[in-house]
Amino acid sequence: MTTSIADLRKSYERAELNEDASHAAPLQQFDQWLKEAIASEVPEPNAMTVATVGSDLRPSTRVVLIKGYDERGIVWFTNYDSRKGRQIAGNPYVALQFHWVELERVVRIEGIVEKVSDAESDEYFASRPLDSRIGAWASPQSQVISGRGVLVANAAKYGAQFMLKPPRPPHWGGYRLQPDQWEFWQGRKSRLHDRLRYRQDGGAWVRERLAP
């Protein structure tokens, strides 16, 4: 018997999120939740959705991996010539989302994006596995290609050219999102979910509850 998608439901009852138990600073709250996701061994706790908007005003999303975070913002690395890279170049306002299904939690982050320094991109690129470094050269990300053979041929070409020491491609590096708004969502019973938003006001973070 086929189950209707409209009938798929789940009762969220694992935890709660209230003002008294949450941190006054959103970065501290994020740090706690991310560490709990890692400790809980949820699948790919570092995976986040990146949403950008192009010049045609059409939004697009994709999943990338967070590679760092501190008071300056959230960092990830990618191909600057990709669709997201081109969209960020035209519109630096970006939204991120983490969804830890097993913990019934979502974190949404909004802000403006800038490239990290060349030194920071170089340092991270050098730490990547060799195949990933070659892959950064081999893939013309987001471009139409005739088949997978193009990637295989490119990987062989750049592998032979650079051997064990491929440099960082000029079109590849890091982005840092500087948050101006965070939202922490904790699933609750009867769809009365907990939502705490942090927004900047005069250089300080204001924490407020949103209705679910």
Foldseek 3Di string as FASTA:
>chain_A
DDDDPVPDDDFFAQDADDDVPADQDVVVRVVVVLVVLVVVVQPQSQKKKKWFAAPVRDIDIDIFGWDDQDLQFTKDKDFCQAPRNNRCVVPQWMKMKGQRPVQQKMKIFIAGKDFDDPVVFQVVLVVDDQLVQLQRQQDPHNDDDPDCVSSVVSSVVVCVVQPRHRGHDPRIGMMGGNTQKMWMWHGHGPRQIWIWMWGDDPNGTDIDTDGD
